[in-house]
Structure formats: C-alpha cells, structure tokens
Protein backbone atom coordinates (compact mmCIF):
# COMPACT_ATOMS: atom_id res chain seq x y z
CA MET A 1 -9.49 -8.91 7.71
CA ASP A 2 -9.36 -12.58 6.81
CA ILE A 3 -6.06 -14.46 6.62
CA ASN A 4 -6.84 -15.46 3.01
CA THR A 5 -6.96 -11.78 2.01
CA THR A 6 -3.16 -11.73 2.07
CA PHE A 7 -2.92 -14.27 -0.73
CA TRP A 8 -5.84 -12.59 -2.58
CA PHE A 9 -3.70 -9.47 -2.97
CA PHE A 10 -0.37 -11.25 -3.39
CA GLU A 11 -1.71 -13.39 -6.23
CA ARG A 12 -2.75 -10.25 -8.12
CA ILE A 13 0.40 -8.20 -7.56
CA GLN A 14 3.11 -10.86 -7.29
CA GLU A 15 4.66 -9.79 -10.63
CA ASP A 16 5.02 -6.19 -9.43
CA ASN A 17 8.46 -4.93 -8.49
CA LEU A 18 6.71 -2.90 -5.83
CA CYS A 19 3.16 -2.03 -4.88
CA MET A 20 1.66 0.19 -2.18
CA LEU A 21 -2.01 0.79 -1.42
CA TYR A 22 -3.54 3.13 1.14
CA SER A 23 -7.20 3.62 2.04
CA GLY A 24 -8.18 6.05 4.76
CA ASN A 25 -8.13 9.64 5.88
CA PHE A 26 -5.63 11.89 4.14
CA SER A 27 -3.75 14.84 5.56
CA ASP A 28 -0.62 16.70 4.49
CA GLU A 29 1.46 14.76 7.03
CA ILE A 30 0.22 11.36 5.84
CA THR A 31 0.62 12.23 2.17
CA ASN A 32 4.20 13.43 2.76
CA LYS A 33 5.07 10.09 4.34
CA LEU A 34 3.41 8.11 1.55
CA ILE A 35 5.37 10.09 -1.03
CA GLU A 36 8.55 9.46 0.98
CA LEU A 37 7.91 5.70 0.94
CA SER A 38 7.13 5.76 -2.78
CA GLU A 39 10.30 7.73 -3.50
CA TYR A 40 12.35 5.22 -1.54
CA ASN A 41 10.88 2.42 -3.67
CA ILE A 42 11.52 4.32 -6.89
CA ASN A 43 15.15 4.99 -5.94
CA ASN A 44 15.76 1.27 -5.54
CA ILE A 45 14.69 0.46 -9.10
CA ASP A 46 17.18 1.77 -11.66
CA ALA A 47 14.66 2.03 -14.49
CA LEU A 48 12.42 4.28 -12.36
CA SER A 49 14.94 6.45 -10.51
CA LYS A 50 15.38 8.87 -13.42
CA MET A 51 11.69 9.82 -13.33
CA LYS A 52 11.54 10.27 -9.56
CA LYS A 53 10.83 14.02 -9.76
CA LYS A 54 8.00 13.56 -12.23
CA ALA A 55 6.47 10.71 -10.21
CA SER A 56 6.69 12.72 -6.98
CA PHE A 57 5.01 15.71 -8.63
CA LEU A 58 2.15 13.58 -9.96
CA MET A 59 1.68 11.83 -6.62
CA ALA A 60 1.49 15.23 -4.92
CA GLU A 61 -1.18 16.35 -7.41
CA CYS A 62 -3.21 13.21 -6.74
CA PHE A 63 -2.94 13.72 -2.99
CA GLN A 64 -3.97 17.35 -3.25
CA ASN A 65 -6.99 16.30 -5.27
CA ILE A 66 -7.97 13.82 -2.53
CA VAL A 67 -7.38 16.26 0.34
CA ARG A 68 -8.96 19.31 -1.29
CA HIS A 69 -11.83 17.77 -3.20
CA GLY A 70 -12.72 14.68 -1.22
CA GLU A 71 -16.13 15.31 0.34
CA LYS A 72 -16.29 14.73 4.08
CA TYR A 73 -19.66 14.10 5.64
CA LYS A 74 -20.36 12.21 8.85
CA GLU A 75 -23.10 10.14 7.26
CA VAL A 76 -20.93 9.02 4.32
CA PRO A 77 -17.59 7.17 4.58
CA SER A 78 -15.18 9.45 2.74
CA ASP A 79 -11.88 7.60 2.86
CA GLY A 80 -9.60 8.37 -0.03
CA PHE A 81 -7.63 5.78 -1.97
CA PHE A 82 -4.08 5.79 -3.31
CA LEU A 83 -2.06 3.16 -5.18
CA THR A 84 1.38 3.03 -6.74
CA LYS A 85 2.86 0.04 -8.52
CA ASN A 86 5.63 -0.84 -10.93
CA TRP A 87 4.92 -3.57 -13.44
CA GLY A 88 6.45 -4.34 -16.80
CA GLY A 89 8.59 -1.19 -16.81
CA VAL A 90 5.56 1.07 -16.25
CA TYR A 91 4.87 3.02 -13.05
CA TYR A 92 1.18 3.38 -12.14
CA ILE A 93 -0.32 6.06 -9.88
CA THR A 94 -3.99 5.72 -8.97
CA SER A 95 -6.12 7.88 -6.69
CA GLY A 96 -9.75 7.97 -5.64
CA ASN A 97 -11.94 10.34 -3.66
CA LEU A 98 -15.61 10.84 -2.92
CA ILE A 99 -17.49 13.66 -4.69
CA GLU A 100 -21.07 14.86 -4.87
CA LYS A 101 -22.87 13.67 -7.99
CA GLN A 102 -23.95 17.19 -8.85
CA LYS A 103 -20.29 18.05 -9.42
CA ILE A 104 -19.58 15.19 -11.82
CA LYS A 105 -20.80 16.95 -14.97
CA ASN A 106 -18.43 19.88 -14.52
CA LEU A 107 -15.52 17.59 -13.70
CA LYS A 108 -16.23 15.43 -16.76
CA ASN A 109 -16.22 18.51 -18.97
CA GLN A 110 -12.81 19.49 -17.60
CA LEU A 111 -11.42 15.98 -18.11
CA GLU A 112 -12.75 15.72 -21.67
CA LYS A 113 -11.31 19.09 -22.56
CA VAL A 114 -7.90 18.21 -21.14
CA ASN A 115 -7.90 14.86 -22.97
CA SER A 116 -8.75 16.51 -26.29
CA LEU A 117 -5.69 18.78 -26.32
CA SER A 118 -2.14 18.31 -27.55
CA LYS A 119 0.90 18.93 -25.36
CA GLU A 120 1.34 22.44 -26.72
CA GLU A 121 -2.36 23.21 -26.36
CA LEU A 122 -2.26 22.04 -22.74
CA LYS A 123 0.61 24.43 -22.08
CA ILE A 124 -1.38 27.32 -23.55
CA LEU A 125 -4.51 26.34 -21.59
CA TYR A 126 -2.54 26.15 -18.35
CA ARG A 127 -1.29 29.71 -18.83
CA GLU A 128 -4.77 30.96 -19.71
CA VAL A 129 -6.36 29.35 -16.66
CA LEU A 130 -3.58 30.60 -14.41
CA GLU A 131 -3.94 34.18 -15.67
CA ASN A 132 -7.70 34.50 -16.16
CA SER A 133 -9.60 32.09 -13.91
CA GLU A 134 -10.51 32.51 -10.30
CA ILE A 135 -8.96 29.79 -8.22
CA SER A 136 -11.08 28.72 -5.28
CA GLU A 137 -9.75 27.75 -1.85
CA LYS A 138 -9.98 24.15 -3.05
CA GLY A 139 -7.59 24.88 -5.90
CA GLY A 140 -10.22 24.77 -8.64
CA ALA A 141 -10.10 25.76 -12.31
CA GLY A 142 -8.72 22.32 -13.28
CA LEU A 143 -5.06 23.30 -12.97
CA GLY A 144 -4.19 20.01 -11.32
CA LEU A 145 -5.79 17.99 -14.12
CA ILE A 146 -3.96 20.01 -16.76
CA GLU A 147 -0.64 19.45 -15.01
CA MET A 148 -1.29 15.71 -14.66
CA ALA A 149 -1.83 15.45 -18.40
CA ARG A 150 1.21 17.61 -19.18
CA LYS A 151 3.64 15.80 -16.88
CA SER A 152 2.47 12.28 -17.73
CA GLY A 153 2.35 12.98 -21.48
CA GLN A 154 -0.88 11.02 -21.94
CA LYS A 155 -4.65 11.18 -21.69
CA LEU A 156 -6.12 10.99 -18.19
CA ASP A 157 -7.77 7.65 -17.43
CA TYR A 158 -10.76 8.09 -15.12
CA LEU A 159 -13.97 6.47 -13.90
CA PHE A 160 -16.87 7.44 -11.66
CA GLU A 161 -18.07 4.63 -9.39
CA ASN A 162 -21.51 4.98 -7.78
CA LYS A 163 -21.55 5.19 -3.97
CA ASN A 164 -25.21 6.07 -3.26
CA ASP A 165 -27.90 8.47 -4.49
CA ASN A 166 -25.83 11.54 -3.69
CA PHE A 167 -22.19 10.51 -3.96
CA SER A 168 -19.75 8.80 -6.30
CA TYR A 169 -16.06 7.97 -6.18
CA PHE A 170 -13.85 9.71 -8.70
CA TYR A 171 -10.90 7.49 -9.72
CA ASN A 172 -7.93 8.62 -11.79
CA GLN A 173 -4.98 6.55 -13.05
CA ILE A 174 -1.71 7.75 -14.56
CA LEU A 175 0.99 5.70 -16.30
CA LEU A 176 4.63 6.75 -16.35
CA LYS A 177 7.58 5.51 -18.35
CA SER A 178 10.90 7.16 -19.10
CA ASP A 179 10.28 6.80 -22.85
CA ILE A 180 7.03 8.70 -23.55
CA ASP A 181 6.86 7.56 -27.18
CA GLU A 182 7.08 3.95 -26.07
CA LEU A 183 4.47 4.55 -23.36
CA ASN A 184 1.98 5.84 -25.91
CA LYS A 185 2.16 2.46 -27.68
CA ILE A 186 1.36 0.51 -24.50
CA VAL A 187 -2.03 -1.02 -23.93
CA SER A 188 -2.24 -1.18 -20.14
CA ASP A 189 -2.41 -4.66 -18.65
CA PHE A 190 -3.51 -3.05 -15.39
CA PRO A 191 -6.83 -1.32 -16.10
CA LEU A 192 -8.31 1.23 -13.73
CA THR A 193 -11.10 -1.23 -12.92
CA ASP A 194 -8.51 -3.46 -11.21
CA SER A 195 -7.46 -0.58 -8.96
CA ILE A 196 -11.11 0.00 -8.07
CA SER A 197 -11.56 -3.68 -7.16
CA TYR A 198 -8.55 -3.38 -4.81
CA HIS A 199 -10.09 -0.33 -3.14
CA LYS A 200 -13.42 -2.08 -2.68
CA LYS A 201 -11.67 -5.07 -1.11
CA MET A 202 -9.79 -2.79 1.28
CA VAL A 203 -12.96 -0.96 2.34
CA GLU A 204 -14.84 -4.24 2.71
CA GLU A 205 -12.19 -5.67 5.05
CA ASN A 206 -11.20 -2.42 6.81
CA ILE A 207 -7.63 -2.47 5.44
CA MET A 208 -5.63 0.74 5.83
CA LEU A 209 -2.25 -0.05 4.26
CA ILE A 210 -0.77 -2.71 1.98
CA HIS A 211 2.87 -2.84 0.95
CA LYS A 212 4.48 -5.43 -1.31
CA GLY A 213 8.18 -5.22 -2.06
CA ASP A 214 11.70 -6.17 -1.07
CA PHE A 215 12.01 -6.93 2.65
CA SER A 216 15.74 -7.42 2.76
CA GLN A 217 17.09 -6.02 6.01
CA ASP A 218 18.13 -2.67 4.52
CA SER A 219 14.70 -2.20 2.95
CA ILE A 220 12.67 -2.72 6.12
CA PHE A 221 13.71 0.38 8.06
CA PRO A 222 12.27 3.13 5.80
CA VAL A 223 8.93 1.28 5.81
CA LEU A 224 8.94 0.97 9.61
CA LYS A 225 9.86 4.61 10.09
CA ILE A 226 6.91 5.82 8.06
CA ILE A 227 4.48 3.47 9.80
CA GLU A 228 5.75 4.45 13.24
CA GLU A 229 5.31 8.13 12.53
CA ASN A 230 1.71 7.62 11.40
CA LEU A 231 0.51 5.17 14.08
CA HIS A 232 -0.06 8.00 16.57
CA LYS A 233 -2.91 9.21 14.36
CA GLU A 234 -4.76 6.00 15.06
CA PHE A 235 -3.95 5.50 18.75
CA LYS A 236 -4.23 7.70 21.82
CA ASP A 237 -2.77 4.90 23.92
CA SER A 238 1.01 4.98 23.39
CA SER A 239 1.47 1.49 24.89
CA GLN A 240 -0.87 0.01 22.27
CA LYS A 241 0.99 1.86 19.53
CA LYS A 242 4.33 0.48 20.77
CA LYS A 243 2.94 -3.05 20.95
CA ILE A 244 1.60 -2.95 17.39
CA PHE A 245 4.82 -1.45 16.08
CA HIS A 246 6.89 -4.09 17.85
CA ILE A 247 4.74 -6.90 16.44
CA LEU A 248 5.04 -5.45 12.94
CA VAL A 249 8.83 -5.23 13.28
CA GLU A 250 9.02 -8.89 14.26
CA LEU A 251 6.71 -9.98 11.44
CA LEU A 252 8.69 -8.06 8.82
CA GLN A 253 11.96 -9.43 10.16
CA ASN A 254 10.44 -12.88 9.92
CA ILE A 255 9.93 -12.25 6.20
CA SER A 256 13.51 -11.02 5.83
CA ARG A 257 14.94 -14.05 7.62
CA HIS A 258 12.90 -16.89 6.19
CA CYS A 259 11.39 -15.94 2.85
CA TYR A 260 12.27 -17.64 -0.43
CA LYS A 261 14.97 -15.48 -2.00
CA ILE A 262 14.56 -14.41 -5.62
CA GLY A 263 17.89 -13.07 -6.85
CA ASP A 264 19.01 -10.50 -4.28
CA LYS A 265 15.45 -9.76 -3.17
CA LYS A 266 13.41 -11.08 -0.27
CA GLU A 267 9.89 -10.27 -1.40
CA GLY A 268 6.89 -10.22 0.85
CA ILE A 269 3.65 -8.41 1.60
CA PHE A 270 2.06 -6.93 4.70
CA LEU A 271 -1.43 -5.60 5.37
CA ILE A 272 -2.65 -3.47 8.29
CA GLY A 273 -6.35 -3.19 9.06
CA ASN A 274 -8.95 -2.54 11.76
CA SER A 275 -11.14 -5.03 13.57
CA ASP A 276 -13.53 -3.43 16.08
CA THR A 277 -11.19 -2.06 18.78
CA ASN A 278 -8.16 -4.01 17.55
CA PHE A 279 -5.70 -3.82 14.73
CA VAL A 280 -5.09 -6.75 12.39
CA ILE A 281 -1.69 -7.35 10.83
CA ASN A 282 -1.20 -9.89 8.04
CA THR A 283 2.13 -10.76 6.48
CA GLY A 284 2.90 -13.17 3.67
CA ASN A 285 5.94 -14.46 1.81
CA LEU A 286 7.11 -17.39 -0.25
CA ILE A 287 8.85 -20.17 1.68
CA GLU A 288 10.65 -23.33 0.60
CA ASN A 289 8.47 -26.41 1.04
CA LYS A 290 11.26 -28.23 2.89
CA ASN A 291 10.98 -25.66 5.71
CA ILE A 292 7.21 -25.93 6.20
CA LYS A 293 7.29 -28.83 8.64
CA LYS A 294 9.58 -27.12 11.15
CA PHE A 295 7.45 -23.96 11.02
CA LYS A 296 4.27 -25.93 11.65
CA VAL A 297 5.85 -27.70 14.62
CA LEU A 298 7.02 -24.39 16.10
CA LEU A 299 3.74 -22.55 15.53
CA ASP A 300 1.63 -25.39 16.89
CA GLU A 301 3.88 -25.61 19.95
CA ILE A 302 3.55 -21.87 20.58
CA ASN A 303 -0.24 -21.97 20.17
CA SER A 304 -0.50 -24.84 22.67
CA LEU A 305 1.05 -22.76 25.48
CA ASN A 306 -0.62 -20.40 27.93
CA GLN A 307 0.68 -16.85 28.39
CA LYS A 308 2.99 -17.76 31.27
CA GLU A 309 4.45 -20.68 29.31
CA LYS A 310 5.01 -18.45 26.28
CA ARG A 311 6.86 -15.95 28.43
CA ASN A 312 9.04 -18.66 29.95
CA LEU A 313 9.83 -20.12 26.51
CA TYR A 314 10.75 -16.66 25.23
CA LEU A 315 13.09 -16.02 28.17
CA SER A 316 14.75 -19.42 27.78
CA LYS A 317 15.39 -18.75 24.07
CA LEU A 318 16.67 -15.30 24.94
CA ARG A 319 19.19 -16.78 27.37
CA ASP A 320 20.43 -19.21 24.73
CA ARG A 321 23.68 -17.79 23.44
CA ASN A 322 23.77 -20.14 20.47
CA LEU A 323 20.82 -18.70 18.54
CA PRO A 324 21.32 -19.06 14.74
CA ALA A 325 22.13 -15.80 12.97
CA ASN A 326 19.06 -16.20 10.76
CA GLY A 327 16.67 -16.38 13.70
CA GLY A 328 15.96 -20.07 13.16
CA ALA A 329 14.95 -20.57 16.78
CA GLY A 330 11.71 -18.67 16.11
CA ILE A 331 12.25 -16.23 18.97
CA GLY A 332 10.49 -13.47 17.02
CA LEU A 333 7.33 -15.55 16.62
CA ILE A 334 7.41 -16.48 20.31
CA ASP A 335 7.77 -12.80 21.20
CA ILE A 336 4.73 -11.94 19.08
CA ALA A 337 2.65 -14.72 20.59
CA ARG A 338 3.34 -13.64 24.17
CA ARG A 339 2.12 -10.11 23.39
CA ILE A 340 -1.29 -11.16 22.06
CA ILE A 341 -4.17 -13.12 23.56
CA SER A 342 -5.40 -14.94 20.45
CA PRO A 343 -3.38 -17.77 18.80
CA LEU A 344 -1.03 -17.13 15.89
CA ASN A 345 -3.21 -17.81 12.87
CA TYR A 346 -1.22 -19.19 9.93
CA HIS A 347 -1.67 -20.87 6.56
CA PHE A 348 0.51 -22.43 3.86
CA HIS A 349 -0.80 -22.10 0.30
CA PRO A 350 1.01 -24.45 -2.14
CA ILE A 351 2.52 -22.72 -5.18
CA ASP A 352 4.61 -25.47 -6.80
CA ASN A 353 6.90 -28.37 -5.86
CA GLN A 354 9.55 -26.02 -4.53
CA LYS A 355 7.70 -23.28 -2.64
CA SER A 356 4.49 -22.23 -0.87
CA PHE A 357 2.97 -18.96 0.30
CA PHE A 358 3.23 -18.59 4.08
CA THR A 359 0.75 -16.23 5.78
CA ILE A 360 0.54 -15.11 9.41
CA ASN A 361 -2.49 -13.27 10.81
CA VAL A 362 -2.22 -11.40 14.13
CA ILE A 363 -4.89 -9.47 16.04
CA ALA A 364 -3.21 -6.89 18.29
C-alpha cells in the first residue's frame, strides 16, 4: 500500500461524516464487529440515530448475502466487500461478493421482479415466498432481496462486474434516509460505480480496512476494541499482533492530538493492509501549516537514528516529567519508530494557505 493511497481515499470521502470500508474474508464474528462499529458511528450522528435499527437490519442482510452466497474457490480470490458512509444526510450501505456467472440470470430475474413491485406487493410476495418456497441452506428464494427493498423503501441498485470467464462480482447499494418521501426525490451523488472503484483500489493494494471519522479521544476506543478483537484472525504470533495494535493506538492518538480541528471533531483516516509478510498501516489527517516545520524536524531526527538511539531518545522523553498534555514532544512517534525497522515514511500534501494533509506510512 502506497503512502499516496491515503490521500486518494481521503480526497474522495472528505465530505463524509463517516465512512468505513472492509475487503476480505467474512465470518459471523467479523460481521458482528463491523455492525457494532457502524452502529457506534450512527449513534454519534443525531440525524442517523433514529434509523439505527433499520440500518443494522440492512447491514445484517448484506453480510448474510456475502457469507452465504459468496463463492469460495482456492483458484479465485473471493474476498467480499462492504462499505458504509454518511453524506449529505443520506446513509449508504454497499456490499459485494463473488458469484458464478451461471447464477447471474436467476439473480437478475429476482432483482428485476423485486424492483417492479410496490411496497404492498413486496409484502405479499414476502409472505408467499415464506409460505410456499423451499429455502436452501444458503437462504435462497430471494427473501433477503425482498426485505432489503421493503426496509429501504426503494429500488435495489445493483451491478455485475466481470472477474474472469467463470466469475463476476455482484454489487448492491442501498440508500437510507429518515424521510422516505424525500429520499425518493434524491438523485444519488455517490453512484454504485464509485463504490466499485474503491473496492478495486483496495484489492489492488491489499487493503483490508479503511475508517474515516471523528478521532477525538472518546471516539478512538470503540474502533480500537473492534480491531483488537479481529487481529487474532490474521496473526498466529501474539507478539506481532500486540506490536501492530500498539502502533495503531499511537498513530490514532497522534491524529487526536495534532489534527486540524473542525468544530468539535478531529477528523482523520486510517488504512490497514498487507505487504508480503508484513502489515502496512497508513494514517492521515489535516494539520495547520504553521506546525509542519516542527513535525518535519522531529520526523527527520527520528529517521536519522539507529535502533539503540531511538530507544534512548524514547526513554529520555519518558523520564521527562514536563511533557505537554497534547503530546507535543512526539513521544508516540518515537515509540512507533523504535518498534519498526524501516523509517517513518511521511508526506505533507498542501490543501490551502491554512492547512495540509499529513500522512504517515508504517510497515510493521
């Protein structure tokens, strides 16, 4: 994962109140944690909190579709995709999973039928399917699709993206707003094709998780809890898991301490991805231009030291009882640097006369 990827995503989702993307293997445990994180985000936005139950239900349906219907073959990468975002008062839920091409025709027929029906007709169809159709172990008969249409109050937006001669990705996007009548008048400024481009970028750069939101101190802990509980799925070595988690904690706290504050929010973005046998963590946030020089001096100083010198600098800072409350001494960055072999890779991307986008890239 390249350091510039952080700004690539931030530039496209910077107007979002929140945005989360996940690409990888799905299980019931992982999906429960992703729903938990999404619910936490929803609860912190007043306009969305009243539709929390509906959003949670629709997310669960999307996850079940990925877990139950996503084809898994050794010769074909079968990672699922999930995205939630809040933009312009609308909450978006997008999912994607791999399916065999021979199954597309039947799925299209189900989607077209669901999209052709009114709310009352969908209710009748749901009862008919529930009473008369055989439901396979994969939860077939299109019940999930019918429920998505019923709960969202709109037509299902979907696309099939070619993977190879035998497989395609099935993508589905749902829009939610508390006022359904108002939602029906909206022409989405976030088309499904944008979600697909995000997924392709994540697959291309081996990115597992992206989260953009408020990184004020109180907002960090739910995110960290969910990540910590899922890291064991990726690592057999508990020491490596602890190191990566510790580095992530320091990077997120760095955002909380030093980012450019917008109102009461401290917005930032982090990305977690794979690189051969290592994990790559990127974080990014806006920073005041007047603070860039001191950060450059600190980072360049850290990168000029060997591992022993980094350790000694860290211990000397730790012994200093006069550390600023906002972490201005950079002890977190020093701590990160002493835990990794490669230098701290960083970049400042100018935004305007007042602020820039500050990115850190760490290989752990």
